[in-house]
Amino acid sequence: MSSYKIQKSLDLTGTSCAGPIGELSGVMDEIGAGEAIEVILGDEATKKDIVAWATKKGYKVLSETKDGSKFKLVIQK
């Protein structure tokens, strides 16, 4: 059983370049330490960018899953 609660789900499918990171950054600023968000992405390149960004910022990527053509990440602040 997971020990975190997802505070928000952010669907970033259809976005690319700096857009997803910009949107995610704003949401991460709004949540508290220890809280988590689910991020839904449409391509693997964007997923890799988000994982690298989250790691650099000191956030934890709690899970990475693929659901059909979408990628889902759970990131904890």
PDB file of N, CA and C in Angstrom:
ATOM      1  N   MET A   1       0.842  -1.181   0.000  1.00  0.00           N
ATOM      2  CA  MET A   1       0.000   0.000   0.000  1.00  0.00           C
ATOM      3  C   MET A   1       0.886   1.242   0.000  1.00  0.00           C
ATOM      4  N   SER A   2       0.537   2.222  -0.788  1.00  0.00           N
ATOM      5  CA  SER A   2       1.333   3.438  -0.880  1.00  0.00           C
ATOM      6  C   SER A   2       1.094   4.325   0.335  1.00  0.00           C
ATOM      7  N   SER A   3       2.123   5.109   0.682  1.00  0.00           N
ATOM      8  CA  SER A   3       2.012   5.980   1.848  1.00  0.00           C
ATOM      9  C   SER A   3       1.903   7.450   1.444  1.00  0.00           C
ATOM     10  N   TYR A   4       1.390   7.700   0.272  1.00  0.00           N
ATOM     11  CA  TYR A   4       1.221   9.071  -0.188  1.00  0.00           C
ATOM     12  C   TYR A   4      -0.180   9.255  -0.745  1.00  0.00           C
ATOM     13  N   LYS A   5      -0.623  10.504  -0.772  1.00  0.00           N
ATOM     14  CA  LYS A   5      -1.926  10.828  -1.331  1.00  0.00           C
ATOM     15  C   LYS A   5      -1.709  11.765  -2.514  1.00  0.00           C
ATOM     16  N   ILE A   6      -2.300  11.429  -3.642  1.00  0.00           N
ATOM     17  CA  ILE A   6      -2.178  12.284  -4.819  1.00  0.00           C
ATOM     18  C   ILE A   6      -3.079  13.498  -4.625  1.00  0.00           C
ATOM     19  N   GLN A   7      -2.478  14.681  -4.641  1.00  0.00           N
ATOM     20  CA  GLN A   7      -3.199  15.932  -4.425  1.00  0.00           C
ATOM     21  C   GLN A   7      -3.889  16.430  -5.686  1.00  0.00           C
ATOM     22  N   LYS A   8      -3.295  16.123  -6.836  1.00  0.00           N
ATOM     23  CA  LYS A   8      -3.818  16.643  -8.094  1.00  0.00           C
ATOM     24  C   LYS A   8      -3.350  15.756  -9.232  1.00  0.00           C
ATOM     25  N   SER A   9      -4.167  15.665 -10.281  1.00  0.00           N
ATOM     26  CA  SER A   9      -3.779  14.970 -11.497  1.00  0.00           C
ATOM     27  C   SER A   9      -3.638  16.014 -12.595  1.00  0.00           C
ATOM     28  N   LEU A  10      -2.504  15.994 -13.283  1.00  0.00           N
ATOM     29  CA  LEU A  10      -2.192  16.987 -14.301  1.00  0.00           C
ATOM     30  C   LEU A  10      -2.023  16.281 -15.641  1.00  0.00           C
ATOM     31  N   ASP A  11      -2.951  16.496 -16.575  1.00  0.00           N
ATOM     32  CA  ASP A  11      -2.893  15.867 -17.895  1.00  0.00           C
ATOM     33  C   ASP A  11      -2.155  16.794 -18.850  1.00  0.00           C
ATOM     34  N   LEU A  12      -0.943  16.397 -19.213  1.00  0.00           N
ATOM     35  CA  LEU A  12      -0.112  17.203 -20.104  1.00  0.00           C
ATOM     36  C   LEU A  12       0.052  16.555 -21.472  1.00  0.00           C
ATOM     37  N   THR A  13      -0.851  15.640 -21.828  1.00  0.00           N
ATOM     38  CA  THR A  13      -0.786  15.049 -23.160  1.00  0.00           C
ATOM     39  C   THR A  13      -1.036  16.149 -24.183  1.00  0.00           C
ATOM     40  N   GLY A  14      -0.328  16.076 -25.289  1.00  0.00           N
ATOM     41  CA  GLY A  14      -0.490  17.082 -26.336  1.00  0.00           C
ATOM     42  C   GLY A  14       0.370  18.308 -26.146  1.00  0.00           C
ATOM     43  N   THR A  15       1.132  18.378 -25.060  1.00  0.00           N
ATOM     44  CA  THR A  15       2.036  19.506 -24.856  1.00  0.00           C
ATOM     45  C   THR A  15       3.462  19.039 -25.098  1.00  0.00           C
ATOM     46  N   SER A  16       4.333  19.960 -25.471  1.00  0.00           N
ATOM     47  CA  SER A  16       5.725  19.594 -25.728  1.00  0.00           C
ATOM     48  C   SER A  16       6.642  20.758 -25.393  1.00  0.00           C
ATOM     49  N   CYS A  17       7.920  20.541 -25.611  1.00  0.00           N
ATOM     50  CA  CYS A  17       8.974  21.527 -25.324  1.00  0.00           C
ATOM     51  C   CYS A  17       8.951  21.904 -23.846  1.00  0.00           C
ATOM     52  N   ALA A  18       8.994  23.176 -23.546  1.00  0.00           N
ATOM     53  CA  ALA A  18       9.058  23.625 -22.151  1.00  0.00           C
ATOM     54  C   ALA A  18       7.679  23.698 -21.494  1.00  0.00           C
ATOM     55  N   GLY A  19       6.617  23.543 -22.264  1.00  0.00           N
ATOM     56  CA  GLY A  19       5.261  23.655 -21.727  1.00  0.00           C
ATOM     57  C   GLY A  19       4.974  22.755 -20.540  1.00  0.00           C
ATOM     58  N   PRO A  20       5.231  21.450 -20.655  1.00  0.00           N
ATOM     59  CA  PRO A  20       4.928  20.559 -19.530  1.00  0.00           C
ATOM     60  C   PRO A  20       5.706  20.902 -18.258  1.00  0.00           C
ATOM     61  N   ILE A  21       6.970  21.235 -18.400  1.00  0.00           N
ATOM     62  CA  ILE A  21       7.773  21.562 -17.220  1.00  0.00           C
ATOM     63  C   ILE A  21       7.276  22.854 -16.584  1.00  0.00           C
ATOM     64  N   GLY A  22       6.917  23.829 -17.395  1.00  0.00           N
ATOM     65  CA  GLY A  22       6.390  25.081 -16.863  1.00  0.00           C
ATOM     66  C   GLY A  22       5.108  24.875 -16.085  1.00  0.00           C
ATOM     67  N   GLU A  23       4.188  24.088 -16.653  1.00  0.00           N
ATOM     68  CA  GLU A  23       2.920  23.815 -15.959  1.00  0.00           C
ATOM     69  C   GLU A  23       3.153  23.026 -14.681  1.00  0.00           C
ATOM     70  N   LEU A  24       3.996  22.004 -14.767  1.00  0.00           N
ATOM     71  CA  LEU A  24       4.275  21.168 -13.603  1.00  0.00           C
ATOM     72  C   LEU A  24       4.964  21.973 -12.503  1.00  0.00           C
ATOM     73  N   SER A  25       5.879  22.836 -12.884  1.00  0.00           N
ATOM     74  CA  SER A  25       6.581  23.664 -11.907  1.00  0.00           C
ATOM     75  C   SER A  25       5.603  24.514 -11.101  1.00  0.00           C
ATOM     76  N   GLY A  26       4.633  25.108 -11.780  1.00  0.00           N
ATOM     77  CA  GLY A  26       3.630  25.916 -11.096  1.00  0.00           C
ATOM     78  C   GLY A  26       2.809  25.111 -10.110  1.00  0.00           C
ATOM     79  N   VAL A  27       2.430  23.898 -10.497  1.00  0.00           N
ATOM     80  CA  VAL A  27       1.642  23.035  -9.613  1.00  0.00           C
ATOM     81  C   VAL A  27       2.488  22.583  -8.424  1.00  0.00           C
ATOM     82  N   MET A  28       3.742  22.247  -8.667  1.00  0.00           N
ATOM     83  CA  MET A  28       4.605  21.811  -7.569  1.00  0.00           C
ATOM     84  C   MET A  28       4.801  22.937  -6.555  1.00  0.00           C
ATOM     85  N   ASP A  29       4.814  24.178  -7.023  1.00  0.00           N
ATOM     86  CA  ASP A  29       4.933  25.319  -6.107  1.00  0.00           C
ATOM     87  C   ASP A  29       3.711  25.440  -5.196  1.00  0.00           C
ATOM     88  N   GLU A  30       2.562  24.947  -5.657  1.00  0.00           N
ATOM     89  CA  GLU A  30       1.304  25.080  -4.914  1.00  0.00           C
ATOM     90  C   GLU A  30       1.089  24.003  -3.856  1.00  0.00           C
ATOM     91  N   ILE A  31       1.758  22.854  -4.001  1.00  0.00           N
ATOM     92  CA  ILE A  31       1.522  21.767  -3.052  1.00  0.00           C
ATOM     93  C   ILE A  31       2.552  21.808  -1.931  1.00  0.00           C
ATOM     94  N   GLY A  32       2.232  21.132  -0.836  1.00  0.00           N
ATOM     95  CA  GLY A  32       3.114  21.113   0.319  1.00  0.00           C
ATOM     96  C   GLY A  32       4.142  19.997   0.250  1.00  0.00           C
ATOM     97  N   ALA A  33       5.162  20.111   1.069  1.00  0.00           N
ATOM     98  CA  ALA A  33       6.194  19.084   1.166  1.00  0.00           C
ATOM     99  C   ALA A  33       5.554  17.751   1.538  1.00  0.00           C
ATOM    100  N   GLY A  34       5.963  16.692   0.861  1.00  0.00           N
ATOM    101  CA  GLY A  34       5.431  15.361   1.113  1.00  0.00           C
ATOM    102  C   GLY A  34       4.199  15.024   0.301  1.00  0.00           C
ATOM    103  N   GLU A  35       3.568  16.034  -0.312  1.00  0.00           N
ATOM    104  CA  GLU A  35       2.389  15.784  -1.144  1.00  0.00           C
ATOM    105  C   GLU A  35       2.838  15.355  -2.541  1.00  0.00           C
ATOM    106  N   ALA A  36       1.938  14.693  -3.261  1.00  0.00           N
ATOM    107  CA  ALA A  36       2.284  14.140  -4.567  1.00  0.00           C
ATOM    108  C   ALA A  36       1.251  14.531  -5.615  1.00  0.00           C
ATOM    109  N   ILE A  37       1.710  14.557  -6.865  1.00  0.00           N
ATOM    110  CA  ILE A  37       0.795  14.780  -7.978  1.00  0.00           C
ATOM    111  C   ILE A  37       1.011  13.694  -9.023  1.00  0.00           C
ATOM    112  N   GLU A  38      -0.041  13.409  -9.763  1.00  0.00           N
ATOM    113  CA  GLU A  38       0.028  12.481 -10.886  1.00  0.00           C
ATOM    114  C   GLU A  38       0.145  13.316 -12.155  1.00  0.00           C
ATOM    115  N   VAL A  39       1.084  12.939 -13.010  1.00  0.00           N
ATOM    116  CA  VAL A  39       1.292  13.644 -14.272  1.00  0.00           C
ATOM    117  C   VAL A  39       1.064  12.653 -15.403  1.00  0.00           C
ATOM    118  N   ILE A  40       0.219  13.019 -16.359  1.00  0.00           N
ATOM    119  CA  ILE A  40      -0.081  12.167 -17.506  1.00  0.00           C
ATOM    120  C   ILE A  40       0.549  12.811 -18.733  1.00  0.00           C
ATOM    121  N   LEU A  41       1.372  12.044 -19.437  1.00  0.00           N
ATOM    122  CA  LEU A  41       2.128  12.555 -20.575  1.00  0.00           C
ATOM    123  C   LEU A  41       1.860  11.718 -21.818  1.00  0.00           C
ATOM    124  N   GLY A  42       2.027  12.327 -22.980  1.00  0.00           N
ATOM    125  CA  GLY A  42       1.711  11.654 -24.231  1.00  0.00           C
ATOM    126  C   GLY A  42       2.879  11.042 -24.963  1.00  0.00           C
ATOM    127  N   ASP A  43       4.110  11.290 -24.505  1.00  0.00           N
ATOM    128  CA  ASP A  43       5.249  10.698 -25.214  1.00  0.00           C
ATOM    129  C   ASP A  43       6.415  10.454 -24.262  1.00  0.00           C
ATOM    130  N   GLU A  44       7.266   9.520 -24.663  1.00  0.00           N
ATOM    131  CA  GLU A  44       8.364   9.103 -23.798  1.00  0.00           C
ATOM    132  C   GLU A  44       9.429  10.186 -23.643  1.00  0.00           C
ATOM    133  N   ALA A  45       9.677  10.977 -24.676  1.00  0.00           N
ATOM    134  CA  ALA A  45      10.686  12.039 -24.579  1.00  0.00           C
ATOM    135  C   ALA A  45      10.301  13.047 -23.497  1.00  0.00           C
ATOM    136  N   THR A  46       9.034  13.433 -23.464  1.00  0.00           N
ATOM    137  CA  THR A  46       8.570  14.372 -22.438  1.00  0.00           C
ATOM    138  C   THR A  46       8.659  13.732 -21.061  1.00  0.00           C
ATOM    139  N   LYS A  47       8.335  12.442 -20.972  1.00  0.00           N
ATOM    140  CA  LYS A  47       8.443  11.730 -19.693  1.00  0.00           C
ATOM    141  C   LYS A  47       9.880  11.783 -19.181  1.00  0.00           C
ATOM    142  N   LYS A  48      10.839  11.524 -20.061  1.00  0.00           N
ATOM    143  CA  LYS A  48      12.248  11.556 -19.659  1.00  0.00           C
ATOM    144  C   LYS A  48      12.654  12.956 -19.197  1.00  0.00           C
ATOM    145  N   ASP A  49      12.176  13.981 -19.906  1.00  0.00           N
ATOM    146  CA  ASP A  49      12.477  15.366 -19.516  1.00  0.00           C
ATOM    147  C   ASP A  49      11.917  15.680 -18.129  1.00  0.00           C
ATOM    148  N   ILE A  50      10.678  15.237 -17.876  1.00  0.00           N
ATOM    149  CA  ILE A  50      10.029  15.500 -16.583  1.00  0.00           C
ATOM    150  C   ILE A  50      10.761  14.771 -15.457  1.00  0.00           C
ATOM    151  N   VAL A  51      11.147  13.518 -15.691  1.00  0.00           N
ATOM    152  CA  VAL A  51      11.875  12.753 -14.670  1.00  0.00           C
ATOM    153  C   VAL A  51      13.206  13.437 -14.356  1.00  0.00           C
ATOM    154  N   ALA A  52      13.930  13.873 -15.387  1.00  0.00           N
ATOM    155  CA  ALA A  52      15.212  14.554 -15.177  1.00  0.00           C
ATOM    156  C   ALA A  52      15.010  15.863 -14.415  1.00  0.00           C
ATOM    157  N   TRP A  53      13.981  16.629 -14.783  1.00  0.00           N
ATOM    158  CA  TRP A  53      13.688  17.894 -14.109  1.00  0.00           C
ATOM    159  C   TRP A  53      13.346  17.654 -12.639  1.00  0.00           C
ATOM    160  N   ALA A  54      12.475  16.670 -12.382  1.00  0.00           N
ATOM    161  CA  ALA A  54      12.051  16.377 -11.006  1.00  0.00           C
ATOM    162  C   ALA A  54      13.247  15.971 -10.148  1.00  0.00           C
ATOM    163  N   THR A  55      14.108  15.141 -10.694  1.00  0.00           N
ATOM    164  CA  THR A  55      15.293  14.697  -9.965  1.00  0.00           C
ATOM    165  C   THR A  55      16.204  15.883  -9.654  1.00  0.00           C
ATOM    166  N   LYS A  56      16.405  16.743 -10.634  1.00  0.00           N
ATOM    167  CA  LYS A  56      17.252  17.928 -10.446  1.00  0.00           C
ATOM    168  C   LYS A  56      16.687  18.855  -9.366  1.00  0.00           C
ATOM    169  N   LYS A  57      15.359  18.956  -9.297  1.00  0.00           N
ATOM    170  CA  LYS A  57      14.707  19.822  -8.310  1.00  0.00           C
ATOM    171  C   LYS A  57      14.653  19.188  -6.915  1.00  0.00           C
ATOM    172  N   GLY A  58      15.021  17.916  -6.807  1.00  0.00           N
ATOM    173  CA  GLY A  58      15.003  17.243  -5.511  1.00  0.00           C
ATOM    174  C   GLY A  58      13.681  16.576  -5.184  1.00  0.00           C
ATOM    175  N   TYR A  59      12.794  16.438  -6.173  1.00  0.00           N
ATOM    176  CA  TYR A  59      11.513  15.762  -5.971  1.00  0.00           C
ATOM    177  C   TYR A  59      11.709  14.263  -6.172  1.00  0.00           C
ATOM    178  N   LYS A  60      10.797  13.464  -5.641  1.00  0.00           N
ATOM    179  CA  LYS A  60      10.866  12.007  -5.785  1.00  0.00           C
ATOM    180  C   LYS A  60       9.867  11.543  -6.833  1.00  0.00           C
ATOM    181  N   VAL A  61      10.334  10.751  -7.784  1.00  0.00           N
ATOM    182  CA  VAL A  61       9.436  10.101  -8.734  1.00  0.00           C
ATOM    183  C   VAL A  61       9.053   8.775  -8.083  1.00  0.00           C
ATOM    184  N   LEU A  62       7.813   8.702  -7.599  1.00  0.00           N
ATOM    185  CA  LEU A  62       7.361   7.533  -6.841  1.00  0.00           C
ATOM    186  C   LEU A  62       6.950   6.380  -7.737  1.00  0.00           C
ATOM    187  N   SER A  63       6.445   6.695  -8.935  1.00  0.00           N
ATOM    188  CA  SER A  63       6.075   5.624  -9.860  1.00  0.00           C
ATOM    189  C   SER A  63       6.083   6.131 -11.290  1.00  0.00           C
ATOM    190  N   GLU A  64       6.365   5.203 -12.195  1.00  0.00           N
ATOM    191  CA  GLU A  64       6.315   5.450 -13.635  1.00  0.00           C
ATOM    192  C   GLU A  64       5.571   4.275 -14.252  1.00  0.00           C
ATOM    193  N   THR A  65       4.474   4.543 -14.943  1.00  0.00           N
ATOM    194  CA  THR A  65       3.728   3.477 -15.603  1.00  0.00           C
ATOM    195  C   THR A  65       3.341   3.913 -17.004  1.00  0.00           C
ATOM    196  N   LYS A  66       3.097   2.919 -17.846  1.00  0.00           N
ATOM    197  CA  LYS A  66       2.612   3.188 -19.200  1.00  0.00           C
ATOM    198  C   LYS A  66       1.211   2.611 -19.306  1.00  0.00           C
ATOM    199  N   ASP A  67       0.283   3.422 -19.788  1.00  0.00           N
ATOM    200  CA  ASP A  67      -1.113   3.022 -19.940  1.00  0.00           C
ATOM    201  C   ASP A  67      -1.506   3.290 -21.390  1.00  0.00           C
ATOM    202  N   GLY A  68      -1.396   2.262 -22.226  1.00  0.00           N
ATOM    203  CA  GLY A  68      -1.649   2.452 -23.649  1.00  0.00           C
ATOM    204  C   GLY A  68      -0.572   3.343 -24.238  1.00  0.00           C
ATOM    205  N   SER A  69      -0.971   4.469 -24.816  1.00  0.00           N
ATOM    206  CA  SER A  69      -0.006   5.401 -25.405  1.00  0.00           C
ATOM    207  C   SER A  69       0.385   6.513 -24.436  1.00  0.00           C
ATOM    208  N   LYS A  70      -0.107   6.450 -23.212  1.00  0.00           N
ATOM    209  CA  LYS A  70       0.174   7.499 -22.229  1.00  0.00           C
ATOM    210  C   LYS A  70       1.122   6.997 -21.147  1.00  0.00           C
ATOM    211  N   PHE A  71       1.870   7.928 -20.611  1.00  0.00           N
ATOM    212  CA  PHE A  71       2.776   7.645 -19.507  1.00  0.00           C
ATOM    213  C   PHE A  71       2.257   8.372 -18.275  1.00  0.00           C
ATOM    214  N   LYS A  72       2.286   7.687 -17.138  1.00  0.00           N
ATOM    215  CA  LYS A  72       1.835   8.294 -15.887  1.00  0.00           C
ATOM    216  C   LYS A  72       2.982   8.290 -14.890  1.00  0.00           C
ATOM    217  N   LEU A  73       3.205   9.440 -14.299  1.00  0.00           N
ATOM    218  CA  LEU A  73       4.209   9.591 -13.256  1.00  0.00           C
ATOM    219  C   LEU A  73       3.523  10.063 -11.986  1.00  0.00           C
ATOM    220  N   VAL A  74       4.016   9.626 -10.851  1.00  0.00           N
ATOM    221  CA  VAL A  74       3.604  10.200  -9.572  1.00  0.00           C
ATOM    222  C   VAL A  74       4.863  10.817  -8.987  1.00  0.00           C
ATOM    223  N   ILE A  75       4.787  12.132  -8.744  1.00  0.00           N
ATOM    224  CA  ILE A  75       5.939  12.889  -8.263  1.00  0.00           C
ATOM    225  C   ILE A  75       5.598  13.498  -6.910  1.00  0.00           C
ATOM    226  N   GLN A  76       6.510  13.303  -5.955  1.00  0.00           N
ATOM    227  CA  GLN A  76       6.309  13.819  -4.593  1.00  0.00           C
ATOM    228  C   GLN A  76       7.262  14.976  -4.334  1.00  0.00           C
ATOM    229  N   LYS A  77       6.715  16.004  -3.724  1.00  0.00           N
ATOM    230  CA  LYS A  77       7.523  17.179  -3.384  1.00  0.00           C
ATOM    231  C   LYS A  77       8.287  16.916  -2.106  1.00  0.00           C
TER     232      LYS A  77
END
